[in-house]
Amino acid sequence: MNILSIQSHVAYGHAGNSAAVFPLQRIGVEVWPVHTVQFSNHSGYGAWRGPLMSADAIRQVVQGIEERGVLGKCDGVLSGYLGSPDIGEVMIDAVARVKCANPAARSCCDPVIGDTGRGIFVRQGVPEFIKSRMLPIADIVTPNQFELEYLAGRMISTMEDLVAAIDAVHARGPDVILVTSMRIDDTPAACIDLVVSDRIDRYRLRTPQLPITVGGTGDVMAALFFAHHLRSGSADQAMSLAASSVFGVLNRTAEASSNEMLLIEAQEELVNPSQIFAGKKI
């Protein structure tokens, strides 16, 4: 399996491609990473250095891959952090190029917009671009609760709210929606929920909430979910495998009191999670 991954990249720690590429490789996926930024570290540290790649530079990299004649072997396009709307246009063009070469290919948009407590943390114009331009061409979208609320244009506090928000996003295009970091009125205080919907069925998966906050968790989740879904075609199974692996990595990270995910030290969790969490049909 081959996945074209167009995301940010950090030298220290794990975010964007530096969070997604190794887990995908570890489960046997060939990854073609294209970086939208080259930062020293993720923005959660409050300060960083490095350049934002220009839309033209990113376009040239994708074009060079196309010129190798391999886009027909690409099974999916994974897109993450957008530095600007014009980079989003490059991502949309990349999806079109891949699907032209391989109509069976799928696209997954991880709509990096913001998070509960932090609010919107991307540049002005990016959230609007994702909502209006990225959602319609995405087969799969992987928002957290804050991002789902933005994309659906409504707050979520109950299961009824959640279902309505998911339906609103389905109506914009994506066939599969994975919602991460969910907390609604019936979520126990010591737990966190994920919900997946494929227009036909919906499943909720619950794990203990670990006492850590590290960058890149959503990037790993989106990458693993996308790959497992491409392989199995099952949204429920893909959520179970991805969530179990991410929990295992984060559990090891919490035990070590590390400020960064221990993707290398805990890599066995990516292929053989210590604990399997299963979703329950809603």
C-alpha atoms as a PDB file:
ATOM      1  CA  MET A   1       0.000   0.000   0.000  1.00  0.00           C
ATOM      2  CA  ASN A   2       1.222   3.495  -0.873  1.00  0.00           C
ATOM      3  CA  ILE A   3       0.032   6.708   0.810  1.00  0.00           C
ATOM      4  CA  LEU A   4       0.934  10.244  -0.246  1.00  0.00           C
ATOM      5  CA  SER A   5       1.092  12.237   2.993  1.00  0.00           C
ATOM      6  CA  ILE A   6       1.054  16.041   2.692  1.00  0.00           C
ATOM      7  CA  GLN A   7       1.561  17.489   6.156  1.00  0.00           C
ATOM      8  CA  SER A   8       3.759  19.587   8.397  1.00  0.00           C
ATOM      9  CA  HIS A   9       7.091  18.266   9.647  1.00  0.00           C
ATOM     10  CA  VAL A  10       9.112  18.934  12.791  1.00  0.00           C
ATOM     11  CA  ALA A  11      12.732  18.027  13.461  1.00  0.00           C
ATOM     12  CA  TYR A  12      12.319  17.542  17.212  1.00  0.00           C
ATOM     13  CA  GLY A  13       9.387  15.556  18.524  1.00  0.00           C
ATOM     14  CA  HIS A  14       6.374  14.311  16.649  1.00  0.00           C
ATOM     15  CA  ALA A  15       3.754  16.233  14.677  1.00  0.00           C
ATOM     16  CA  GLY A  16       2.418  16.010  11.146  1.00  0.00           C
ATOM     17  CA  ASN A  17       4.574  13.783   8.982  1.00  0.00           C
ATOM     18  CA  SER A  18       7.051  13.226  11.799  1.00  0.00           C
ATOM     19  CA  ALA A  19       4.147  11.685  13.731  1.00  0.00           C
ATOM     20  CA  ALA A  20       2.426   9.882  10.852  1.00  0.00           C
ATOM     21  CA  VAL A  21       5.180   8.468   8.652  1.00  0.00           C
ATOM     22  CA  PHE A  22       6.882   6.051  11.048  1.00  0.00           C
ATOM     23  CA  PRO A  23       3.643   4.484  12.382  1.00  0.00           C
ATOM     24  CA  LEU A  24       2.485   3.910   8.802  1.00  0.00           C
ATOM     25  CA  GLN A  25       5.813   2.384   7.831  1.00  0.00           C
ATOM     26  CA  ARG A  26       5.796   0.223  10.959  1.00  0.00           C
ATOM     27  CA  ILE A  27       2.486  -1.372   9.927  1.00  0.00           C
ATOM     28  CA  GLY A  28       3.808  -2.014   6.427  1.00  0.00           C
ATOM     29  CA  VAL A  29       2.666   1.030   4.465  1.00  0.00           C
ATOM     30  CA  GLU A  30       4.939   2.793   1.976  1.00  0.00           C
ATOM     31  CA  VAL A  31       4.701   6.550   2.576  1.00  0.00           C
ATOM     32  CA  TRP A  32       5.540   9.393   0.211  1.00  0.00           C
ATOM     33  CA  PRO A  33       5.878  12.370   2.600  1.00  0.00           C
ATOM     34  CA  VAL A  34       5.558  15.922   1.330  1.00  0.00           C
ATOM     35  CA  HIS A  35       6.183  18.581   3.974  1.00  0.00           C
ATOM     36  CA  THR A  36       4.138  21.783   4.205  1.00  0.00           C
ATOM     37  CA  VAL A  37       6.423  23.261   6.877  1.00  0.00           C
ATOM     38  CA  GLN A  38       9.885  22.445   8.205  1.00  0.00           C
ATOM     39  CA  PHE A  39       9.801  23.498  11.859  1.00  0.00           C
ATOM     40  CA  SER A  40      12.224  22.857  14.683  1.00  0.00           C
ATOM     41  CA  ASN A  41       9.378  21.621  16.912  1.00  0.00           C
ATOM     42  CA  HIS A  42       5.592  21.740  17.073  1.00  0.00           C
ATOM     43  CA  SER A  43       3.821  24.969  17.989  1.00  0.00           C
ATOM     44  CA  GLY A  44       2.630  23.641  21.337  1.00  0.00           C
ATOM     45  CA  TYR A  45       5.981  24.692  22.786  1.00  0.00           C
ATOM     46  CA  GLY A  46       5.047  28.316  22.157  1.00  0.00           C
ATOM     47  CA  ALA A  47       8.141  29.044  20.056  1.00  0.00           C
ATOM     48  CA  TRP A  48       9.711  27.421  17.040  1.00  0.00           C
ATOM     49  CA  ARG A  49      11.926  28.130  14.063  1.00  0.00           C
ATOM     50  CA  GLY A  50      11.873  27.101  10.439  1.00  0.00           C
ATOM     51  CA  PRO A  51      10.135  27.897   7.165  1.00  0.00           C
ATOM     52  CA  LEU A  52       6.617  27.523   5.898  1.00  0.00           C
ATOM     53  CA  MET A  53       6.911  25.909   2.467  1.00  0.00           C
ATOM     54  CA  SER A  54       5.475  27.841  -0.440  1.00  0.00           C
ATOM     55  CA  ALA A  55       2.549  26.434  -2.372  1.00  0.00           C
ATOM     56  CA  ASP A  56       4.726  26.336  -5.485  1.00  0.00           C
ATOM     57  CA  ALA A  57       7.460  24.342  -3.737  1.00  0.00           C
ATOM     58  CA  ILE A  58       4.924  21.760  -2.572  1.00  0.00           C
ATOM     59  CA  ARG A  59       3.343  21.614  -6.016  1.00  0.00           C
ATOM     60  CA  GLN A  60       6.736  20.940  -7.592  1.00  0.00           C
ATOM     61  CA  VAL A  61       7.366  17.998  -5.261  1.00  0.00           C
ATOM     62  CA  VAL A  62       3.977  16.461  -6.108  1.00  0.00           C
ATOM     63  CA  GLN A  63       4.617  17.088  -9.804  1.00  0.00           C
ATOM     64  CA  GLY A  64       7.986  15.377  -9.552  1.00  0.00           C
ATOM     65  CA  ILE A  65       6.338  12.309  -8.025  1.00  0.00           C
ATOM     66  CA  GLU A  66       3.768  12.350 -10.822  1.00  0.00           C
ATOM     67  CA  GLU A  67       6.559  12.486 -13.395  1.00  0.00           C
ATOM     68  CA  ARG A  68       7.918   9.213 -12.037  1.00  0.00           C
ATOM     69  CA  GLY A  69       4.707   7.639 -13.318  1.00  0.00           C
ATOM     70  CA  VAL A  70       3.740   6.195  -9.930  1.00  0.00           C
ATOM     71  CA  LEU A  71       0.531   8.002  -8.988  1.00  0.00           C
ATOM     72  CA  GLY A  72      -1.454   5.079 -10.363  1.00  0.00           C
ATOM     73  CA  LYS A  73       0.038   3.012  -7.539  1.00  0.00           C
ATOM     74  CA  CYS A  74      -1.031   5.498  -4.877  1.00  0.00           C
ATOM     75  CA  ASP A  75      -3.844   4.110  -2.707  1.00  0.00           C
ATOM     76  CA  GLY A  76      -4.609   7.254  -0.773  1.00  0.00           C
ATOM     77  CA  VAL A  77      -3.781  10.882  -0.032  1.00  0.00           C
ATOM     78  CA  LEU A  78      -3.514  11.989   3.593  1.00  0.00           C
ATOM     79  CA  SER A  79      -3.628  15.732   4.222  1.00  0.00           C
ATOM     80  CA  GLY A  80      -2.998  17.515   7.499  1.00  0.00           C
ATOM     81  CA  TYR A  81      -1.886  20.950   8.675  1.00  0.00           C
ATOM     82  CA  LEU A  82      -2.414  23.767   6.181  1.00  0.00           C
ATOM     83  CA  GLY A  83      -0.087  26.742   6.504  1.00  0.00           C
ATOM     84  CA  SER A  84      -2.304  28.801   4.198  1.00  0.00           C
ATOM     85  CA  PRO A  85      -5.283  28.414   1.844  1.00  0.00           C
ATOM     86  CA  ASP A  86      -3.039  28.377  -1.234  1.00  0.00           C
ATOM     87  CA  ILE A  87      -1.334  25.269   0.139  1.00  0.00           C
ATOM     88  CA  GLY A  88      -4.808  23.792   0.472  1.00  0.00           C
ATOM     89  CA  GLU A  89      -5.305  24.329  -3.243  1.00  0.00           C
ATOM     90  CA  VAL A  90      -2.164  22.277  -3.851  1.00  0.00           C
ATOM     91  CA  MET A  91      -3.585  19.491  -1.687  1.00  0.00           C
ATOM     92  CA  ILE A  92      -6.848  19.534  -3.629  1.00  0.00           C
ATOM     93  CA  ASP A  93      -4.898  19.381  -6.887  1.00  0.00           C
ATOM     94  CA  ALA A  94      -2.816  16.468  -5.559  1.00  0.00           C
ATOM     95  CA  VAL A  95      -5.959  14.503  -4.706  1.00  0.00           C
ATOM     96  CA  ALA A  96      -7.321  15.157  -8.194  1.00  0.00           C
ATOM     97  CA  ARG A  97      -4.067  14.020  -9.814  1.00  0.00           C
ATOM     98  CA  VAL A  98      -3.969  10.806  -7.769  1.00  0.00           C
ATOM     99  CA  LYS A  99      -7.619   9.957  -8.407  1.00  0.00           C
ATOM    100  CA  CYS A 100      -7.157  10.604 -12.113  1.00  0.00           C
ATOM    101  CA  ALA A 101      -4.311   8.092 -12.161  1.00  0.00           C
ATOM    102  CA  ASN A 102      -6.069   5.661  -9.804  1.00  0.00           C
ATOM    103  CA  PRO A 103      -9.861   6.106  -9.521  1.00  0.00           C
ATOM    104  CA  ALA A 104      -9.901   3.637  -6.608  1.00  0.00           C
ATOM    105  CA  ALA A 105      -7.666   5.892  -4.477  1.00  0.00           C
ATOM    106  CA  ARG A 106      -9.182   7.608  -1.441  1.00  0.00           C
ATOM    107  CA  SER A 107      -8.432  10.823   0.383  1.00  0.00           C
ATOM    108  CA  CYS A 108      -8.348  11.528   4.110  1.00  0.00           C
ATOM    109  CA  CYS A 109      -8.445  15.077   5.453  1.00  0.00           C
ATOM    110  CA  ASP A 110      -7.293  15.651   9.011  1.00  0.00           C
ATOM    111  CA  PRO A 111      -8.845  19.128   9.442  1.00  0.00           C
ATOM    112  CA  VAL A 112      -6.304  20.778  11.722  1.00  0.00           C
ATOM    113  CA  ILE A 113      -8.134  23.862  12.994  1.00  0.00           C
ATOM    114  CA  GLY A 114      -7.982  23.994  16.778  1.00  0.00           C
ATOM    115  CA  ASP A 115      -8.869  22.247  19.996  1.00  0.00           C
ATOM    116  CA  THR A 116     -10.924  22.655  23.144  1.00  0.00           C
ATOM    117  CA  GLY A 117      -9.166  25.055  25.497  1.00  0.00           C
ATOM    118  CA  ARG A 118      -6.897  26.490  22.790  1.00  0.00           C
ATOM    119  CA  GLY A 119      -9.518  27.545  20.292  1.00  0.00           C
ATOM    120  CA  ILE A 120      -8.517  28.086  16.665  1.00  0.00           C
ATOM    121  CA  PHE A 121      -4.739  28.085  16.292  1.00  0.00           C
ATOM    122  CA  VAL A 122      -4.238  28.130  12.518  1.00  0.00           C
ATOM    123  CA  ARG A 123      -3.930  31.150  10.249  1.00  0.00           C
ATOM    124  CA  GLN A 124      -6.908  33.261   9.279  1.00  0.00           C
ATOM    125  CA  GLY A 125      -8.692  31.841   6.261  1.00  0.00           C
ATOM    126  CA  VAL A 126      -7.574  28.248   6.836  1.00  0.00           C
ATOM    127  CA  PRO A 127     -10.648  27.057   8.811  1.00  0.00           C
ATOM    128  CA  GLU A 128     -12.972  28.555   6.196  1.00  0.00           C
ATOM    129  CA  PHE A 129     -10.980  26.937   3.395  1.00  0.00           C
ATOM    130  CA  ILE A 130     -11.126  23.518   5.026  1.00  0.00           C
ATOM    131  CA  LYS A 131     -14.879  23.796   5.511  1.00  0.00           C
ATOM    132  CA  SER A 132     -15.699  25.074   2.034  1.00  0.00           C
ATOM    133  CA  ARG A 133     -13.041  23.444  -0.146  1.00  0.00           C
ATOM    134  CA  MET A 134     -11.488  20.422   1.597  1.00  0.00           C
ATOM    135  CA  LEU A 135     -14.582  18.695   2.959  1.00  0.00           C
ATOM    136  CA  PRO A 136     -16.302  18.266  -0.427  1.00  0.00           C
ATOM    137  CA  ILE A 137     -13.340  16.357  -1.901  1.00  0.00           C
ATOM    138  CA  ALA A 138     -12.533  14.241   1.180  1.00  0.00           C
ATOM    139  CA  ASP A 139     -13.645  10.625   1.421  1.00  0.00           C
ATOM    140  CA  ILE A 140     -12.630  10.490   5.083  1.00  0.00           C
ATOM    141  CA  VAL A 141     -12.340  13.287   7.637  1.00  0.00           C
ATOM    142  CA  THR A 142     -10.918  12.996  11.170  1.00  0.00           C
ATOM    143  CA  PRO A 143     -11.853  16.036  13.303  1.00  0.00           C
ATOM    144  CA  ASN A 144     -11.635  16.330  17.059  1.00  0.00           C
ATOM    145  CA  GLN A 145     -14.758  17.531  18.873  1.00  0.00           C
ATOM    146  CA  PHE A 146     -13.838  21.220  18.587  1.00  0.00           C
ATOM    147  CA  GLU A 147     -13.190  20.851  14.849  1.00  0.00           C
ATOM    148  CA  LEU A 148     -16.415  18.915  14.302  1.00  0.00           C
ATOM    149  CA  GLU A 149     -18.340  21.699  16.031  1.00  0.00           C
ATOM    150  CA  TYR A 150     -16.739  24.252  13.728  1.00  0.00           C
ATOM    151  CA  LEU A 151     -17.322  22.223  10.565  1.00  0.00           C
ATOM    152  CA  ALA A 152     -20.937  21.440  11.505  1.00  0.00           C
ATOM    153  CA  GLY A 153     -21.674  24.940  12.807  1.00  0.00           C
ATOM    154  CA  ARG A 154     -23.128  23.711  16.093  1.00  0.00           C
ATOM    155  CA  MET A 155     -22.088  22.943  19.667  1.00  0.00           C
ATOM    156  CA  ILE A 156     -22.059  19.351  20.882  1.00  0.00           C
ATOM    157  CA  SER A 157     -23.000  18.304  24.401  1.00  0.00           C
ATOM    158  CA  THR A 158     -25.346  15.328  23.893  1.00  0.00           C
ATOM    159  CA  MET A 159     -25.525  12.284  21.661  1.00  0.00           C
ATOM    160  CA  GLU A 160     -28.348  13.962  19.759  1.00  0.00           C
ATOM    161  CA  ASP A 161     -26.071  16.966  19.117  1.00  0.00           C
ATOM    162  CA  LEU A 162     -23.274  14.658  18.003  1.00  0.00           C
ATOM    163  CA  VAL A 163     -25.433  12.752  15.529  1.00  0.00           C
ATOM    164  CA  ALA A 164     -26.746  15.996  14.045  1.00  0.00           C
ATOM    165  CA  ALA A 165     -23.211  17.387  13.694  1.00  0.00           C
ATOM    166  CA  ILE A 166     -21.971  14.204  12.023  1.00  0.00           C
ATOM    167  CA  ASP A 167     -24.903  14.253   9.598  1.00  0.00           C
ATOM    168  CA  ALA A 168     -24.157  17.898   8.760  1.00  0.00           C
ATOM    169  CA  VAL A 169     -20.559  17.041   7.866  1.00  0.00           C
ATOM    170  CA  HIS A 170     -21.607  13.966   5.876  1.00  0.00           C
ATOM    171  CA  ALA A 171     -23.854  16.296   3.866  1.00  0.00           C
ATOM    172  CA  ARG A 172     -20.767  18.294   2.868  1.00  0.00           C
ATOM    173  CA  GLY A 173     -19.122  15.268   1.252  1.00  0.00           C
ATOM    174  CA  PRO A 174     -17.145  12.824   3.426  1.00  0.00           C
ATOM    175  CA  ASP A 175     -18.432   9.249   3.539  1.00  0.00           C
ATOM    176  CA  VAL A 176     -16.502   8.374   6.704  1.00  0.00           C
ATOM    177  CA  ILE A 177     -16.100  10.579   9.780  1.00  0.00           C
ATOM    178  CA  LEU A 178     -13.891   9.718  12.746  1.00  0.00           C
ATOM    179  CA  VAL A 179     -14.394  12.070  15.696  1.00  0.00           C
ATOM    180  CA  THR A 180     -11.604  12.071  18.276  1.00  0.00           C
ATOM    181  CA  SER A 181     -11.314  13.521  21.791  1.00  0.00           C
ATOM    182  CA  MET A 182     -15.076  13.376  22.347  1.00  0.00           C
ATOM    183  CA  ARG A 183     -16.660  14.326  25.661  1.00  0.00           C
ATOM    184  CA  ILE A 184     -20.449  14.589  25.880  1.00  0.00           C
ATOM    185  CA  ASP A 185     -22.854  14.523  28.800  1.00  0.00           C
ATOM    186  CA  ASP A 186     -22.681  10.746  29.320  1.00  0.00           C
ATOM    187  CA  THR A 187     -18.876  10.405  28.974  1.00  0.00           C
ATOM    188  CA  PRO A 188     -17.402   9.442  32.371  1.00  0.00           C
ATOM    189  CA  ALA A 189     -14.958  11.975  33.797  1.00  0.00           C
ATOM    190  CA  ALA A 190     -12.048   9.529  33.626  1.00  0.00           C
ATOM    191  CA  CYS A 191     -12.697   8.511  30.020  1.00  0.00           C
ATOM    192  CA  ILE A 192     -12.506   9.849  26.478  1.00  0.00           C
ATOM    193  CA  ASP A 193     -14.616   8.787  23.492  1.00  0.00           C
ATOM    194  CA  LEU A 194     -14.116   8.321  19.771  1.00  0.00           C
ATOM    195  CA  VAL A 195     -17.032   8.017  17.364  1.00  0.00           C
ATOM    196  CA  VAL A 196     -16.977   6.807  13.782  1.00  0.00           C
ATOM    197  CA  SER A 197     -19.714   7.023  11.160  1.00  0.00           C
ATOM    198  CA  ASP A 198     -19.844   5.651   7.612  1.00  0.00           C
ATOM    199  CA  ARG A 199     -23.327   6.960   6.710  1.00  0.00           C
ATOM    200  CA  ILE A 200     -24.803   3.527   7.497  1.00  0.00           C
ATOM    201  CA  ASP A 201     -23.577   2.708  11.009  1.00  0.00           C
ATOM    202  CA  ARG A 202     -22.104   4.631  13.929  1.00  0.00           C
ATOM    203  CA  TYR A 203     -19.872   3.254  16.663  1.00  0.00           C
ATOM    204  CA  ARG A 204     -18.529   4.748  19.874  1.00  0.00           C
ATOM    205  CA  LEU A 205     -15.268   3.607  21.434  1.00  0.00           C
ATOM    206  CA  ARG A 206     -14.236   4.574  24.969  1.00  0.00           C
ATOM    207  CA  THR A 207     -10.793   4.490  26.559  1.00  0.00           C
ATOM    208  CA  PRO A 208      -9.446   5.687  29.902  1.00  0.00           C
ATOM    209  CA  GLN A 209      -8.189   9.265  29.751  1.00  0.00           C
ATOM    210  CA  LEU A 210      -4.469   9.286  30.395  1.00  0.00           C
ATOM    211  CA  PRO A 211      -2.857  12.042  32.497  1.00  0.00           C
ATOM    212  CA  ILE A 212      -0.788  13.516  29.655  1.00  0.00           C
ATOM    213  CA  THR A 213      -1.087  15.955  26.790  1.00  0.00           C
ATOM    214  CA  VAL A 214       1.396  15.561  23.949  1.00  0.00           C
ATOM    215  CA  GLY A 215       1.525  16.894  20.416  1.00  0.00           C
ATOM    216  CA  GLY A 216       0.882  14.802  17.334  1.00  0.00           C
ATOM    217  CA  THR A 217      -1.638  12.375  18.816  1.00  0.00           C
ATOM    218  CA  GLY A 218      -4.311  13.296  16.284  1.00  0.00           C
ATOM    219  CA  ASP A 219      -1.811  12.978  13.425  1.00  0.00           C
ATOM    220  CA  VAL A 220      -0.981   9.402  14.431  1.00  0.00           C
ATOM    221  CA  MET A 221      -4.655   8.559  14.876  1.00  0.00           C
ATOM    222  CA  ALA A 222      -5.623   9.921  11.460  1.00  0.00           C
ATOM    223  CA  ALA A 223      -2.782   8.114   9.703  1.00  0.00           C
ATOM    224  CA  LEU A 224      -3.431   4.734  11.325  1.00  0.00           C
ATOM    225  CA  PHE A 225      -7.194   4.986  10.893  1.00  0.00           C
ATOM    226  CA  PHE A 226      -6.819   5.857   7.211  1.00  0.00           C
ATOM    227  CA  ALA A 227      -4.441   2.969   6.530  1.00  0.00           C
ATOM    228  CA  HIS A 228      -6.525   0.423   8.432  1.00  0.00           C
ATOM    229  CA  HIS A 229      -9.676   1.604   6.673  1.00  0.00           C
ATOM    230  CA  LEU A 230      -8.012   1.317   3.267  1.00  0.00           C
ATOM    231  CA  ARG A 231      -7.034  -2.247   4.134  1.00  0.00           C
ATOM    232  CA  SER A 232     -10.254  -3.490   5.716  1.00  0.00           C
ATOM    233  CA  GLY A 233     -13.007  -1.219   4.415  1.00  0.00           C
ATOM    234  CA  SER A 234     -14.434  -1.322   7.949  1.00  0.00           C
ATOM    235  CA  ALA A 235     -14.739   1.974   9.828  1.00  0.00           C
ATOM    236  CA  ASP A 236     -15.378   0.184  13.125  1.00  0.00           C
ATOM    237  CA  GLN A 237     -12.366  -2.120  12.769  1.00  0.00           C
ATOM    238  CA  ALA A 238     -10.121   0.731  11.653  1.00  0.00           C
ATOM    239  CA  MET A 239     -11.132   2.808  14.681  1.00  0.00           C
ATOM    240  CA  SER A 240     -10.508  -0.105  17.036  1.00  0.00           C
ATOM    241  CA  LEU A 241      -7.024  -0.821  15.678  1.00  0.00           C
ATOM    242  CA  ALA A 242      -5.972   2.836  15.512  1.00  0.00           C
ATOM    243  CA  ALA A 243      -7.326   3.745  18.950  1.00  0.00           C
ATOM    244  CA  SER A 244      -5.781   0.683  20.587  1.00  0.00           C
ATOM    245  CA  SER A 245      -2.358   1.479  19.125  1.00  0.00           C
ATOM    246  CA  VAL A 246      -2.500   5.154  20.049  1.00  0.00           C
ATOM    247  CA  PHE A 247      -3.625   4.335  23.591  1.00  0.00           C
ATOM    248  CA  GLY A 248      -0.758   1.871  23.955  1.00  0.00           C
ATOM    249  CA  VAL A 249       1.799   4.440  22.800  1.00  0.00           C
ATOM    250  CA  LEU A 250       0.354   7.154  25.046  1.00  0.00           C
ATOM    251  CA  ASN A 251       0.217   4.806  28.023  1.00  0.00           C
ATOM    252  CA  ARG A 252       3.926   4.065  27.634  1.00  0.00           C
ATOM    253  CA  THR A 253       4.548   7.783  27.214  1.00  0.00           C
ATOM    254  CA  ALA A 254       2.646   8.573  30.428  1.00  0.00           C
ATOM    255  CA  GLU A 255       4.528   5.903  32.360  1.00  0.00           C
ATOM    256  CA  ALA A 256       7.803   7.509  31.276  1.00  0.00           C
ATOM    257  CA  SER A 257       6.542  11.058  32.031  1.00  0.00           C
ATOM    258  CA  SER A 258       7.746  12.084  28.568  1.00  0.00           C
ATOM    259  CA  ASN A 259       6.757  15.388  26.963  1.00  0.00           C
ATOM    260  CA  GLU A 260       6.852  13.740  23.519  1.00  0.00           C
ATOM    261  CA  MET A 261       5.200  10.556  22.274  1.00  0.00           C
ATOM    262  CA  LEU A 262       7.490   7.561  22.568  1.00  0.00           C
ATOM    263  CA  LEU A 263       6.763   6.328  19.064  1.00  0.00           C
ATOM    264  CA  ILE A 264      10.076   4.524  18.735  1.00  0.00           C
ATOM    265  CA  GLU A 265      10.249   3.012  22.212  1.00  0.00           C
ATOM    266  CA  ALA A 266       6.599   1.911  22.063  1.00  0.00           C
ATOM    267  CA  GLN A 267       6.548   0.889  18.398  1.00  0.00           C
ATOM    268  CA  GLU A 268       5.342  -2.641  19.130  1.00  0.00           C
ATOM    269  CA  GLU A 269       2.025  -1.061  20.167  1.00  0.00           C
ATOM    270  CA  LEU A 270       1.561   0.009  16.553  1.00  0.00           C
ATOM    271  CA  VAL A 271       1.479  -3.571  15.291  1.00  0.00           C
ATOM    272  CA  ASN A 272       0.466  -5.500  18.403  1.00  0.00           C
ATOM    273  CA  PRO A 273      -1.430  -3.307  20.887  1.00  0.00           C
ATOM    274  CA  SER A 274      -1.270  -4.439  24.505  1.00  0.00           C
ATOM    275  CA  GLN A 275      -4.993  -3.815  24.913  1.00  0.00           C
ATOM    276  CA  ILE A 276      -7.703  -3.881  22.266  1.00  0.00           C
ATOM    277  CA  PHE A 277     -10.588  -1.436  22.570  1.00  0.00           C
ATOM    278  CA  ALA A 278     -13.728  -2.166  20.576  1.00  0.00           C
ATOM    279  CA  GLY A 279     -16.461   0.168  19.468  1.00  0.00           C
ATOM    280  CA  LYS A 280     -20.116  -0.280  20.387  1.00  0.00           C
ATOM    281  CA  LYS A 281     -22.829   0.423  17.875  1.00  0.00           C
ATOM    282  CA  ILE A 282     -24.804   3.566  18.635  1.00  0.00           C
END
